[in-house]
N, C-alpha and C. Protein backbone atom coordinates (compact mmCIF):
# COMPACT_ATOMS: atom_id res chain seq x y z
N MET A 1 74.92 5.76 77.67
CA MET A 1 74.66 5.53 79.08
C MET A 1 74.68 6.87 79.79
N LYS A 2 73.71 7.13 80.61
CA LYS A 2 73.67 8.36 81.38
C LYS A 2 73.50 8.01 82.85
N ILE A 3 74.33 8.62 83.69
CA ILE A 3 74.25 8.39 85.12
C ILE A 3 73.23 9.36 85.69
N VAL A 4 72.23 8.80 86.38
CA VAL A 4 71.15 9.62 86.93
C VAL A 4 71.53 10.20 88.28
N ALA A 5 72.39 9.53 89.02
CA ALA A 5 72.79 10.01 90.35
C ALA A 5 73.59 11.30 90.22
N ASP A 6 73.65 12.07 91.30
CA ASP A 6 74.44 13.30 91.31
C ASP A 6 75.92 12.96 91.25
N VAL A 7 76.57 13.49 90.26
CA VAL A 7 78.01 13.28 90.09
C VAL A 7 78.66 14.66 90.08
N PRO A 8 79.70 14.87 90.88
CA PRO A 8 80.38 16.17 90.86
C PRO A 8 80.87 16.51 89.45
N GLU A 9 80.81 17.78 89.13
CA GLU A 9 81.18 18.23 87.78
C GLU A 9 82.61 17.84 87.41
N CYS A 10 83.52 17.91 88.38
CA CYS A 10 84.91 17.56 88.09
C CYS A 10 85.05 16.10 87.66
N ILE A 11 84.26 15.23 88.26
CA ILE A 11 84.30 13.80 87.91
C ILE A 11 83.64 13.59 86.56
N ALA A 12 82.51 14.25 86.33
CA ALA A 12 81.84 14.15 85.04
C ALA A 12 82.77 14.61 83.91
N ASN A 13 83.54 15.67 84.16
CA ASN A 13 84.48 16.17 83.16
C ASN A 13 85.58 15.14 82.87
N GLN A 14 86.08 14.50 83.92
CA GLN A 14 87.11 13.47 83.72
C GLN A 14 86.56 12.28 82.95
N LEU A 15 85.32 11.91 83.23
CA LEU A 15 84.71 10.80 82.49
C LEU A 15 84.51 11.18 81.02
N ASP A 16 84.19 12.44 80.76
CA ASP A 16 84.10 12.91 79.37
C ASP A 16 85.46 12.84 78.68
N GLU A 17 86.52 13.22 79.40
CA GLU A 17 87.87 13.12 78.85
C GLU A 17 88.23 11.67 78.53
N LEU A 18 87.86 10.76 79.44
CA LEU A 18 88.12 9.35 79.23
C LEU A 18 87.38 8.84 78.00
N THR A 19 86.13 9.23 77.85
CA THR A 19 85.34 8.80 76.70
C THR A 19 85.98 9.29 75.40
N ALA A 20 86.39 10.55 75.37
CA ALA A 20 87.05 11.10 74.19
C ALA A 20 88.34 10.35 73.87
N LEU A 21 89.10 10.03 74.91
CA LEU A 21 90.35 9.30 74.74
C LEU A 21 90.09 7.92 74.14
N CYS A 22 89.08 7.24 74.66
CA CYS A 22 88.73 5.90 74.15
C CYS A 22 88.25 5.96 72.71
N ASN A 23 87.52 7.00 72.36
CA ASN A 23 87.07 7.14 70.98
C ASN A 23 88.24 7.43 70.03
N ARG A 24 89.23 8.19 70.50
CA ARG A 24 90.41 8.49 69.69
C ARG A 24 91.32 7.27 69.52
N TYR A 25 91.39 6.45 70.57
CA TYR A 25 92.27 5.27 70.57
C TYR A 25 91.46 4.03 70.96
N PRO A 26 90.73 3.44 70.03
CA PRO A 26 89.81 2.35 70.38
C PRO A 26 90.47 1.02 70.77
N GLN A 27 91.72 0.80 70.41
CA GLN A 27 92.38 -0.47 70.74
C GLN A 27 93.40 -0.33 71.87
N LYS A 28 94.29 0.62 71.71
CA LYS A 28 95.32 0.84 72.74
C LYS A 28 95.57 2.34 72.87
N VAL A 29 95.82 2.77 74.10
CA VAL A 29 95.99 4.19 74.40
C VAL A 29 97.48 4.45 74.65
N PRO A 30 98.04 5.49 74.03
CA PRO A 30 99.44 5.81 74.29
C PRO A 30 99.68 6.13 75.78
N LEU A 31 100.80 5.68 76.27
CA LEU A 31 101.12 5.86 77.68
C LEU A 31 101.09 7.32 78.09
N GLY A 32 101.60 8.20 77.26
CA GLY A 32 101.61 9.63 77.58
C GLY A 32 100.21 10.20 77.75
N GLU A 33 99.27 9.73 76.93
CA GLU A 33 97.88 10.20 77.03
C GLU A 33 97.24 9.74 78.35
N VAL A 34 97.55 8.53 78.76
CA VAL A 34 97.01 8.01 80.02
C VAL A 34 97.61 8.79 81.20
N ALA A 35 98.90 9.09 81.12
CA ALA A 35 99.54 9.86 82.18
C ALA A 35 98.86 11.23 82.33
N LYS A 36 98.56 11.89 81.21
CA LYS A 36 97.86 13.18 81.26
C LYS A 36 96.49 13.02 81.92
N LEU A 37 95.75 11.99 81.52
CA LEU A 37 94.42 11.76 82.09
C LEU A 37 94.50 11.58 83.60
N LEU A 38 95.50 10.85 84.06
CA LEU A 38 95.64 10.57 85.49
C LEU A 38 96.29 11.71 86.26
N GLY A 39 96.86 12.66 85.53
CA GLY A 39 97.50 13.80 86.19
C GLY A 39 98.85 13.46 86.80
N ILE A 40 99.57 12.50 86.18
CA ILE A 40 100.90 12.15 86.66
C ILE A 40 101.88 12.24 85.48
N ASP A 41 103.17 12.26 85.78
CA ASP A 41 104.11 12.34 84.67
C ASP A 41 104.34 10.96 84.06
N ARG A 42 104.78 10.98 82.82
CA ARG A 42 104.95 9.76 82.05
C ARG A 42 105.91 8.79 82.73
N ALA A 43 107.02 9.30 83.28
CA ALA A 43 108.01 8.43 83.92
C ALA A 43 107.42 7.69 85.11
N SER A 44 106.56 8.35 85.86
CA SER A 44 105.91 7.70 87.00
C SER A 44 104.99 6.57 86.53
N LEU A 45 104.23 6.83 85.47
CA LEU A 45 103.35 5.78 84.95
C LEU A 45 104.16 4.62 84.39
N GLU A 46 105.26 4.93 83.70
CA GLU A 46 106.14 3.86 83.20
C GLU A 46 106.63 2.99 84.35
N ALA A 47 107.05 3.62 85.44
CA ALA A 47 107.55 2.87 86.60
C ALA A 47 106.45 2.00 87.20
N MET A 48 105.24 2.53 87.28
CA MET A 48 104.12 1.75 87.82
C MET A 48 103.82 0.54 86.94
N VAL A 49 103.84 0.73 85.63
CA VAL A 49 103.56 -0.37 84.71
C VAL A 49 104.66 -1.42 84.82
N MET A 50 105.90 -1.00 84.81
CA MET A 50 107.01 -1.96 84.88
C MET A 50 107.04 -2.70 86.22
N ALA A 51 106.55 -2.07 87.28
CA ALA A 51 106.50 -2.72 88.59
C ALA A 51 105.23 -3.56 88.74
N GLN A 52 104.44 -3.64 87.68
CA GLN A 52 103.19 -4.40 87.66
C GLN A 52 102.20 -3.89 88.71
N ARG A 53 102.17 -2.58 88.90
CA ARG A 53 101.25 -1.93 89.84
C ARG A 53 100.10 -1.25 89.11
N CYS A 54 99.99 -1.51 87.83
CA CYS A 54 99.00 -0.85 86.99
C CYS A 54 98.11 -1.93 86.35
N PRO A 55 96.88 -2.09 86.81
CA PRO A 55 96.05 -3.19 86.32
C PRO A 55 95.64 -3.08 84.85
N PHE A 56 95.81 -1.91 84.25
CA PHE A 56 95.37 -1.73 82.87
C PHE A 56 96.52 -1.69 81.87
N GLY A 57 97.77 -1.80 82.33
CA GLY A 57 98.90 -1.67 81.41
C GLY A 57 99.91 -2.79 81.55
N MET A 58 100.64 -3.02 80.45
CA MET A 58 101.71 -4.00 80.42
C MET A 58 102.96 -3.32 79.87
N GLY A 59 104.10 -3.73 80.36
CA GLY A 59 105.36 -3.21 79.85
C GLY A 59 106.41 -4.30 79.86
N TRP A 60 107.33 -4.21 78.90
CA TRP A 60 108.37 -5.22 78.82
C TRP A 60 109.59 -4.65 78.13
N LEU A 61 110.70 -5.37 78.31
CA LEU A 61 111.96 -5.01 77.68
C LEU A 61 112.55 -6.29 77.10
N ARG A 62 112.68 -6.33 75.79
CA ARG A 62 113.29 -7.50 75.15
C ARG A 62 114.78 -7.51 75.43
N GLU A 63 115.37 -8.69 75.43
CA GLU A 63 116.80 -8.81 75.73
C GLU A 63 117.66 -8.00 74.79
N THR A 64 117.31 -7.94 73.53
CA THR A 64 118.14 -7.25 72.54
C THR A 64 117.76 -5.78 72.37
N ALA A 65 116.75 -5.33 73.06
CA ALA A 65 116.28 -3.95 72.89
C ALA A 65 116.87 -3.02 73.94
N THR A 66 116.87 -1.74 73.63
CA THR A 66 117.33 -0.74 74.60
C THR A 66 116.15 0.07 75.15
N ASN A 67 115.01 0.01 74.48
CA ASN A 67 113.82 0.74 74.92
C ASN A 67 112.74 -0.23 75.40
N ARG A 68 112.02 0.20 76.40
CA ARG A 68 110.89 -0.58 76.89
C ARG A 68 109.69 -0.37 75.97
N THR A 69 108.81 -1.36 75.95
CA THR A 69 107.57 -1.26 75.20
C THR A 69 106.42 -1.29 76.18
N PHE A 70 105.40 -0.47 75.93
CA PHE A 70 104.23 -0.40 76.81
C PHE A 70 102.97 -0.63 76.00
N PHE A 71 102.01 -1.29 76.60
CA PHE A 71 100.71 -1.52 75.98
C PHE A 71 99.63 -1.23 77.01
N ILE A 72 98.74 -0.31 76.68
CA ILE A 72 97.61 -0.02 77.55
C ILE A 72 96.34 -0.27 76.76
N SER A 73 95.62 -1.29 77.16
CA SER A 73 94.38 -1.67 76.50
C SER A 73 93.29 -0.63 76.80
N THR A 74 92.62 -0.18 75.76
CA THR A 74 91.54 0.78 75.93
C THR A 74 90.44 0.20 76.81
N VAL A 75 90.07 -1.04 76.56
CA VAL A 75 89.00 -1.68 77.33
C VAL A 75 89.39 -1.79 78.80
N LYS A 76 90.61 -2.24 79.07
CA LYS A 76 91.04 -2.39 80.48
C LYS A 76 91.12 -1.04 81.18
N LEU A 77 91.64 -0.02 80.49
CA LEU A 77 91.71 1.31 81.08
C LEU A 77 90.30 1.81 81.40
N TYR A 78 89.40 1.67 80.46
CA TYR A 78 88.03 2.18 80.65
C TYR A 78 87.32 1.48 81.80
N THR A 79 87.42 0.15 81.85
CA THR A 79 86.72 -0.59 82.92
C THR A 79 87.36 -0.33 84.28
N TRP A 80 88.68 -0.17 84.33
CA TRP A 80 89.33 0.15 85.60
C TRP A 80 88.90 1.54 86.07
N TYR A 81 88.91 2.50 85.19
CA TYR A 81 88.59 3.89 85.54
C TYR A 81 87.13 4.06 85.93
N THR A 82 86.26 3.29 85.33
CA THR A 82 84.81 3.45 85.56
C THR A 82 84.24 2.35 86.45
N GLU A 83 85.05 1.73 87.23
CA GLU A 83 84.59 0.62 88.07
C GLU A 83 83.40 1.00 88.95
N PHE A 84 83.37 2.25 89.44
CA PHE A 84 82.25 2.65 90.30
C PHE A 84 80.92 2.62 89.54
N VAL A 85 80.95 2.91 88.24
CA VAL A 85 79.73 2.87 87.44
C VAL A 85 79.23 1.45 87.32
N ILE A 86 80.13 0.52 87.08
CA ILE A 86 79.76 -0.88 86.96
C ILE A 86 79.18 -1.40 88.27
N LYS A 87 79.81 -1.05 89.39
CA LYS A 87 79.29 -1.47 90.70
C LYS A 87 77.92 -0.86 90.94
N ALA A 88 77.74 0.40 90.60
CA ALA A 88 76.45 1.06 90.80
C ALA A 88 75.36 0.39 89.98
N MET A 89 75.69 0.00 88.76
CA MET A 89 74.70 -0.68 87.91
C MET A 89 74.25 -2.00 88.53
N ARG A 90 75.19 -2.72 89.09
CA ARG A 90 74.85 -4.01 89.70
C ARG A 90 73.97 -3.81 90.93
N GLU A 91 74.26 -2.77 91.71
CA GLU A 91 73.53 -2.54 92.94
C GLU A 91 72.16 -1.89 92.71
N ASP A 92 72.09 -0.97 91.75
CA ASP A 92 70.83 -0.28 91.49
C ASP A 92 70.77 0.12 90.01
N PRO A 93 70.22 -0.76 89.17
CA PRO A 93 70.16 -0.47 87.73
C PRO A 93 69.41 0.81 87.38
N LYS A 94 68.58 1.34 88.28
CA LYS A 94 67.84 2.58 88.00
C LYS A 94 68.75 3.81 87.97
N LEU A 95 70.00 3.68 88.53
CA LEU A 95 70.93 4.80 88.51
C LEU A 95 71.44 5.10 87.11
N ILE A 96 71.42 4.09 86.24
CA ILE A 96 71.95 4.23 84.90
C ILE A 96 70.81 4.14 83.89
N GLN A 97 70.79 5.09 82.98
CA GLN A 97 69.76 5.04 81.93
C GLN A 97 70.39 5.05 80.57
């Protein structure tokens, strides 16, 4: 897929980083890698996931466990991050080739 519209280089670079990340982790993306992509620290992303403020991630703590577990779906992360592309395709399919 190639976006025909003018996209700032900084955004194009971030989308390239996202694509590489998805190719490296096709099922689930490590929380630390997502934090790097978003430019925030891991603890902040953990807090967002645990507070259910992160639409692409899940986190939980079992009663007998001392560590939290996190799951970030590659598909959910990708679709959340690229939502503007999906909207653009719906509005004007000629923007995407």
